[in-house]
Amino acid sequence: MAPRANWKGFLRLSLVTCPVALYPATSDTEKVSFNQINRKTGHRIKYAKVDADTGEEVANEDIMKGYKIDTDTYIEVSKDELDDIALESTRTIEIDEFVPRTDIDSRYLIRPYYLVPDGKVGHDAFAVIRETIRSMDKVAIGRVVLTNREHIIALEPFDNGLMGTLLRYPYEVRSEKDYFDDIQDVKITKDMLDLAKHIVEQKSGSFEPEQFEDRYESALVELINQKRNGLKVTAKAAPKTGGNVINLMDALKRSLASEKQAAPAARDAVKETAKAKGKKPRKAAAGQREMLLPISGSSKRAAKETVKEAPKKAEKPVRAPARAKKAG
């Protein structure tokens, strides 16, 4: 199923305009999520909106927003008042300026989106805007209205499309001085620095995100599969810690020696990875987290029932297609 756009409108650079669609570049929908259930009945927990003082349930039509100014004192704001000040989406991302990519502090980055031409028309205008940004080696800054709020968006070429990254406003970014002022100014000896650099050189490589595994997510899938198939769940031993560092120089030397020993194994792993890349990719890589199949039987109590037949090997779950989420 093709993803659904979170926003559709127009991208404009001066007098050059083209229809575009905005899609989220990331997704959390494939992560394992839980419902809260009643331990005694297995029923899902339902939350009710109640008055904090009377304890009585409040109907949706009687609920309004309030801004707290003091203990138990609120300024009431109605839906009509909020609608009056809501920004009307102009359905246009107007490019206001171009800035160097290095000028954008990473703390201001929120989330990435893909921006593509919408429909069969406008591809020429889209390409002109994309290649203009690419040739200038800069980032285009514009504004977009999502869910009644105006956001700053940074646009830069990404393959044949554009990547738009929502940016925070200055009031949303905390000052580092509130946290870094108490850090002591210590002197590092050249020997310590040289040893640390050697360790970095031993561990240097290229960033390949596909090499990283969400180990907690994998453990969740394994746990649920074991329980679904009636297998006994055993607690894993806690990992051993290295203890406190007594002598920093000694710790650096031992770290360097350890990295040198691990280097041959790392090189072998890289070679195996290179060989694997030459083969036809599978739809789901081994060890990759996949969505779980529905649990058979009563949905209320199936998770607690014990399988009486002989334990069997946990089946691999089947990944469900990712669903697009609305922006906001």
Protein backbone atom coordinates (compact mmCIF):
# COMPACT_ATOMS: atom_id res chain seq x y z
CA MET A 1 0.00 0.00 0.00
CA ALA A 2 1.38 3.39 -1.01
CA PRO A 3 1.97 5.80 1.88
CA ARG A 4 -0.48 8.63 2.41
CA ALA A 5 0.73 12.21 2.31
CA ASN A 6 0.55 14.21 5.54
CA TRP A 7 0.24 17.46 3.64
CA LYS A 8 -0.36 18.63 0.08
CA GLY A 9 0.12 22.09 -1.33
CA PHE A 10 2.57 24.15 -3.34
CA LEU A 11 6.27 24.88 -3.17
CA ARG A 12 7.20 28.36 -4.35
CA LEU A 13 10.48 30.08 -5.09
CA SER A 14 9.65 33.64 -6.16
CA LEU A 15 7.45 33.16 -9.27
CA VAL A 16 8.28 29.45 -9.74
CA THR A 17 5.55 27.25 -8.22
CA CYS A 18 4.80 23.53 -8.29
CA PRO A 19 2.32 21.19 -6.50
CA VAL A 20 4.01 19.01 -3.87
CA ALA A 21 3.18 16.36 -1.28
CA LEU A 22 4.83 15.94 2.14
CA TYR A 23 5.49 12.45 3.53
CA PRO A 24 7.05 11.48 6.88
CA ALA A 25 10.55 10.07 6.39
CA THR A 26 10.49 8.02 9.61
CA SER A 27 8.02 5.71 11.35
CA ASP A 28 7.52 4.21 14.82
CA THR A 29 4.53 2.06 13.85
CA GLU A 30 6.58 -1.14 13.54
CA LYS A 31 7.81 -1.05 17.13
CA VAL A 32 6.20 -3.39 19.64
CA SER A 33 3.49 -1.60 21.64
CA PHE A 34 1.41 -2.81 24.57
CA ASN A 35 -2.13 -2.35 25.83
CA GLN A 36 -2.89 -2.16 29.53
CA ILE A 37 -5.11 -5.01 30.74
CA ASN A 38 -6.78 -6.09 33.97
CA ARG A 39 -4.65 -8.81 35.58
CA LYS A 40 -7.77 -10.53 36.99
CA THR A 41 -10.00 -10.53 33.88
CA GLY A 42 -7.64 -9.96 30.96
CA HIS A 43 -9.86 -7.09 29.77
CA ARG A 44 -8.38 -3.91 28.36
CA ILE A 45 -8.25 -0.89 30.65
CA LYS A 46 -10.53 1.99 29.66
CA TYR A 47 -9.74 5.50 30.81
CA ALA A 48 -12.54 7.84 31.84
CA LYS A 49 -12.32 11.64 32.13
CA VAL A 50 -13.42 12.58 35.63
CA ASP A 51 -13.66 15.78 37.65
CA ALA A 52 -10.60 15.97 39.92
CA ASP A 53 -12.70 17.13 42.89
CA THR A 54 -16.06 15.38 42.54
CA GLY A 55 -14.77 12.20 40.90
CA GLU A 56 -17.72 12.25 38.49
CA GLU A 57 -17.24 11.43 34.82
CA VAL A 58 -17.38 14.45 32.49
CA ALA A 59 -18.95 14.32 29.02
CA ASN A 60 -16.80 15.42 26.08
CA GLU A 61 -19.09 18.36 25.30
CA ASP A 62 -18.50 19.74 28.83
CA ILE A 63 -14.70 19.67 28.53
CA MET A 64 -12.79 22.79 27.52
CA LYS A 65 -9.19 23.92 27.65
CA GLY A 66 -7.71 25.93 30.48
CA TYR A 67 -4.35 27.62 31.04
CA LYS A 68 -3.10 27.27 34.63
CA ILE A 69 -2.00 30.55 36.21
CA ASP A 70 -2.16 29.55 39.88
CA THR A 71 -3.17 26.64 42.09
CA ASP A 72 -6.68 25.65 40.98
CA THR A 73 -6.94 28.85 38.93
CA TYR A 74 -7.27 28.58 35.16
CA ILE A 75 -7.97 30.89 32.25
CA GLU A 76 -10.68 29.20 30.23
CA VAL A 77 -10.23 29.14 26.46
CA SER A 78 -13.07 27.96 24.21
CA LYS A 79 -12.78 26.06 20.95
CA ASP A 80 -14.22 29.04 19.05
CA GLU A 81 -11.53 31.31 20.48
CA LEU A 82 -8.84 28.87 19.41
CA ASP A 83 -10.38 28.60 15.95
CA ASP A 84 -10.30 32.40 15.62
CA ILE A 85 -6.52 32.56 16.08
CA ALA A 86 -5.69 29.34 14.24
CA LEU A 87 -3.43 29.90 11.26
CA GLU A 88 -5.14 29.19 8.00
CA SER A 89 -2.92 26.97 5.93
CA THR A 90 -2.03 28.81 2.75
CA ARG A 91 -1.15 25.40 1.30
CA THR A 92 2.10 26.96 0.17
CA ILE A 93 5.66 26.48 1.36
CA GLU A 94 7.21 29.83 0.54
CA ILE A 95 11.02 29.76 0.41
CA ASP A 96 12.14 32.83 2.36
CA GLU A 97 15.94 32.49 2.34
CA PHE A 98 18.95 30.26 1.72
CA VAL A 99 21.52 29.48 4.41
CA PRO A 100 24.64 27.26 4.68
CA ARG A 101 23.85 23.80 6.08
CA THR A 102 26.52 24.29 8.75
CA ASP A 103 24.61 27.31 10.10
CA ILE A 104 21.76 25.10 11.38
CA ASP A 105 22.45 23.96 14.95
CA SER A 106 21.58 20.25 15.26
CA ARG A 107 19.54 21.03 18.40
CA TYR A 108 16.98 22.76 16.20
CA LEU A 109 16.24 19.66 14.10
CA ILE A 110 12.91 17.96 14.87
CA ARG A 111 11.92 15.40 12.23
CA PRO A 112 12.52 14.75 8.52
CA TYR A 113 9.97 14.61 5.69
CA TYR A 114 10.14 13.75 2.01
CA LEU A 115 8.87 16.38 -0.41
CA VAL A 116 7.88 15.15 -3.89
CA PRO A 117 5.96 16.53 -6.89
CA ASP A 118 2.22 15.93 -6.54
CA GLY A 119 0.72 14.57 -9.74
CA LYS A 120 2.00 14.57 -13.30
CA VAL A 121 2.39 18.33 -13.65
CA GLY A 122 5.01 20.49 -12.02
CA HIS A 123 7.98 18.14 -12.33
CA ASP A 124 9.93 20.69 -14.35
CA ALA A 125 9.38 23.46 -11.79
CA PHE A 126 10.23 21.05 -8.96
CA ALA A 127 13.49 20.09 -10.69
CA VAL A 128 14.41 23.76 -11.18
CA ILE A 129 13.93 24.49 -7.47
CA ARG A 130 15.77 21.29 -6.42
CA GLU A 131 18.75 21.84 -8.68
CA THR A 132 18.97 25.53 -7.77
CA ILE A 133 19.29 24.58 -4.10
CA ARG A 134 21.80 21.84 -4.99
CA SER A 135 23.98 24.11 -7.12
CA MET A 136 24.12 26.76 -4.40
CA ASP A 137 25.12 24.10 -1.82
CA LYS A 138 22.73 25.67 0.65
CA VAL A 139 19.53 24.88 2.53
CA ALA A 140 16.25 26.59 1.68
CA ILE A 141 14.29 27.90 4.67
CA GLY A 142 10.51 28.20 4.48
CA ARG A 143 7.38 27.88 6.58
CA VAL A 144 4.61 25.29 6.54
CA VAL A 145 1.34 25.08 8.52
CA LEU A 146 0.61 21.65 10.04
CA THR A 147 -2.32 21.11 12.42
CA ASN A 148 -2.95 24.86 12.77
CA ARG A 149 0.63 25.58 13.85
CA GLU A 150 3.26 27.20 11.70
CA HIS A 151 6.59 25.39 11.50
CA ILE A 152 9.96 26.37 10.09
CA ILE A 153 11.10 23.86 7.48
CA ALA A 154 14.58 23.42 6.00
CA LEU A 155 14.66 22.00 2.46
CA GLU A 156 17.65 20.33 0.84
CA PRO A 157 18.11 18.03 -2.18
CA PHE A 158 17.91 14.32 -1.42
CA ASP A 159 18.35 12.03 -4.40
CA ASN A 160 15.61 12.99 -6.90
CA GLY A 161 13.46 14.69 -4.28
CA LEU A 162 13.76 17.11 -1.41
CA MET A 163 14.12 16.40 2.28
CA GLY A 164 12.29 18.83 4.51
CA THR A 165 13.27 18.97 8.18
CA LEU A 166 11.04 20.72 10.70
CA LEU A 167 13.00 23.09 12.94
CA ARG A 168 12.42 24.22 16.52
CA TYR A 169 11.91 27.83 17.48
CA PRO A 170 14.59 29.44 19.71
CA TYR A 171 12.36 29.34 22.81
CA GLU A 172 12.20 25.53 22.51
CA VAL A 173 15.99 25.07 22.81
CA ARG A 174 17.59 25.12 26.26
CA SER A 175 20.87 26.89 26.85
CA GLU A 176 23.90 24.65 27.37
CA LYS A 177 25.21 27.04 30.03
CA ASP A 178 22.62 25.72 32.48
CA TYR A 179 24.33 22.33 32.30
CA PHE A 180 27.98 22.86 31.34
CA ASP A 181 29.05 25.63 33.75
CA ASP A 182 29.93 23.16 36.53
CA ILE A 183 32.17 20.97 34.34
CA GLN A 184 35.74 21.21 35.64
CA ASP A 185 38.48 22.51 33.37
CA VAL A 186 41.05 19.72 33.56
CA LYS A 187 44.43 19.32 31.85
CA ILE A 188 44.88 16.28 29.61
CA THR A 189 48.43 15.00 29.14
CA LYS A 190 49.74 14.34 25.63
CA ASP A 191 50.31 10.64 26.43
CA MET A 192 46.68 10.19 27.45
CA LEU A 193 45.47 12.03 24.36
CA ASP A 194 47.69 9.95 22.07
CA LEU A 195 46.42 6.70 23.59
CA ALA A 196 42.82 7.85 23.23
CA LYS A 197 43.46 8.76 19.57
CA HIS A 198 44.86 5.28 18.92
CA ILE A 199 41.67 3.76 20.34
CA VAL A 200 39.57 6.00 18.08
CA GLU A 201 41.64 4.95 15.05
CA GLN A 202 41.09 1.26 15.90
CA LYS A 203 37.34 1.81 16.14
CA SER A 204 36.99 4.12 13.11
CA GLY A 205 34.76 3.12 10.20
CA SER A 206 31.89 4.20 7.98
CA PHE A 207 28.41 4.88 9.35
CA GLU A 208 26.19 2.00 8.20
CA PRO A 209 22.84 2.19 10.06
CA GLU A 210 21.78 -1.25 8.76
CA GLN A 211 24.53 -2.76 10.95
CA PHE A 212 22.79 -1.56 14.11
CA GLU A 213 20.18 -3.72 15.82
CA ASP A 214 17.51 -2.53 18.26
CA ARG A 215 18.40 -5.16 20.86
CA TYR A 216 15.55 -4.26 23.22
CA GLU A 217 13.02 -4.51 20.38
CA SER A 218 14.43 -7.92 19.40
CA ALA A 219 14.21 -9.06 23.03
CA LEU A 220 10.55 -7.96 23.17
CA VAL A 221 9.72 -9.98 20.06
CA GLU A 222 11.55 -13.02 21.46
CA LEU A 223 9.73 -12.72 24.79
CA ILE A 224 6.29 -12.47 23.18
CA ASN A 225 7.01 -15.35 20.80
CA GLN A 226 8.15 -17.54 23.68
CA LYS A 227 5.00 -16.80 25.67
CA ARG A 228 2.79 -17.29 22.61
CA ASN A 229 4.29 -20.72 21.97
CA GLY A 230 4.22 -21.85 25.58
CA LEU A 231 7.98 -21.82 26.05
CA LYS A 232 9.49 -21.25 29.47
CA VAL A 233 10.84 -17.73 29.91
CA THR A 234 14.09 -17.59 31.84
CA ALA A 235 15.69 -14.43 33.19
CA LYS A 236 19.03 -13.54 31.66
CA ALA A 237 22.05 -12.89 33.84
CA ALA A 238 22.95 -9.25 34.31
CA PRO A 239 26.03 -8.20 32.32
CA LYS A 240 29.26 -7.75 34.27
CA THR A 241 30.51 -4.22 34.71
CA GLY A 242 34.10 -3.12 34.43
CA GLY A 243 34.01 -1.44 37.83
CA ASN A 244 35.35 1.98 38.71
CA VAL A 245 38.31 3.42 36.80
CA ILE A 246 41.15 3.83 39.27
CA ASN A 247 44.00 4.72 36.93
CA LEU A 248 42.97 6.52 33.74
CA MET A 249 46.27 5.85 31.96
CA ASP A 250 46.10 2.15 32.79
CA ALA A 251 42.49 2.01 31.56
CA LEU A 252 43.49 3.62 28.25
CA LYS A 253 46.33 1.13 27.75
CA ARG A 254 44.07 -1.84 28.47
CA SER A 255 41.41 -0.42 26.14
CA LEU A 256 43.93 -0.06 23.31
CA ALA A 257 45.17 -3.62 23.79
CA SER A 258 41.60 -4.90 23.76
CA GLU A 259 40.79 -3.04 20.53
CA LYS A 260 43.89 -4.43 18.81
CA GLN A 261 42.83 -7.97 19.69
CA ALA A 262 39.31 -7.32 18.39
CA ALA A 263 40.49 -5.77 15.10
CA PRO A 264 41.04 -9.08 13.18
CA ALA A 265 37.55 -10.31 14.10
CA ALA A 266 36.08 -6.99 13.01
CA ARG A 267 37.84 -7.20 9.64
CA ASP A 268 36.47 -10.70 9.11
CA ALA A 269 32.97 -9.45 9.90
CA VAL A 270 33.34 -6.65 7.35
CA LYS A 271 34.41 -9.17 4.69
CA GLU A 272 31.40 -11.36 5.44
CA THR A 273 29.13 -8.33 5.21
CA ALA A 274 30.64 -7.37 1.85
CA LYS A 275 30.02 -10.89 0.54
CA ALA A 276 26.43 -10.79 1.78
CA LYS A 277 25.81 -7.48 0.01
CA GLY A 278 26.67 -9.14 -3.29
CA LYS A 279 23.81 -11.61 -2.88
CA LYS A 280 20.17 -10.98 -3.70
CA PRO A 281 18.58 -9.28 -0.65
CA ARG A 282 15.84 -11.05 1.23
CA LYS A 283 12.55 -9.34 2.02
CA ALA A 284 13.35 -9.49 5.72
CA ALA A 285 16.93 -9.81 6.94
CA ALA A 286 17.72 -12.48 9.53
CA GLY A 287 17.40 -11.13 13.03
CA GLN A 288 15.41 -8.13 11.86
CA ARG A 289 12.46 -7.27 14.08
CA GLU A 290 9.17 -8.22 12.50
CA MET A 291 5.58 -7.58 13.54
CA LEU A 292 3.87 -10.35 15.48
CA LEU A 293 1.12 -12.60 14.20
CA PRO A 294 -2.23 -12.35 16.07
CA ILE A 295 -2.46 -14.69 19.06
CA SER A 296 -5.02 -17.41 18.40
CA GLY A 297 -7.86 -18.12 20.80
CA SER A 298 -9.62 -15.69 23.13
CA SER A 299 -8.03 -12.27 22.83
CA LYS A 300 -8.78 -11.54 26.47
CA ARG A 301 -7.12 -14.52 28.07
CA ALA A 302 -4.90 -16.05 25.35
CA ALA A 303 -1.79 -14.35 26.65
CA LYS A 304 -2.22 -16.04 30.04
CA GLU A 305 -3.25 -19.55 28.96
CA THR A 306 -0.64 -22.29 29.21
CA VAL A 307 -0.07 -24.51 26.20
CA LYS A 308 -0.35 -28.12 27.38
CA GLU A 309 1.28 -29.73 24.37
CA ALA A 310 5.07 -30.12 24.11
CA PRO A 311 6.87 -26.80 23.72
CA LYS A 312 7.71 -25.94 20.17
CA LYS A 313 10.19 -23.63 18.58
CA ALA A 314 8.94 -20.06 18.37
CA GLU A 315 7.71 -19.10 14.92
CA LYS A 316 9.17 -16.07 13.22
CA PRO A 317 6.61 -13.25 13.21
CA VAL A 318 5.54 -11.61 9.98
CA ARG A 319 6.16 -7.91 9.54
CA ALA A 320 3.10 -5.81 8.83
CA PRO A 321 3.39 -2.89 6.39
CA ALA A 322 4.20 0.43 8.02
CA ARG A 323 1.33 2.85 8.31
CA ALA A 324 1.71 6.55 7.67
CA LYS A 325 1.02 8.79 10.65
CA LYS A 326 -0.41 12.28 10.48
CA ALA A 327 1.99 15.08 11.16
CA GLY A 328 1.61 17.32 14.14
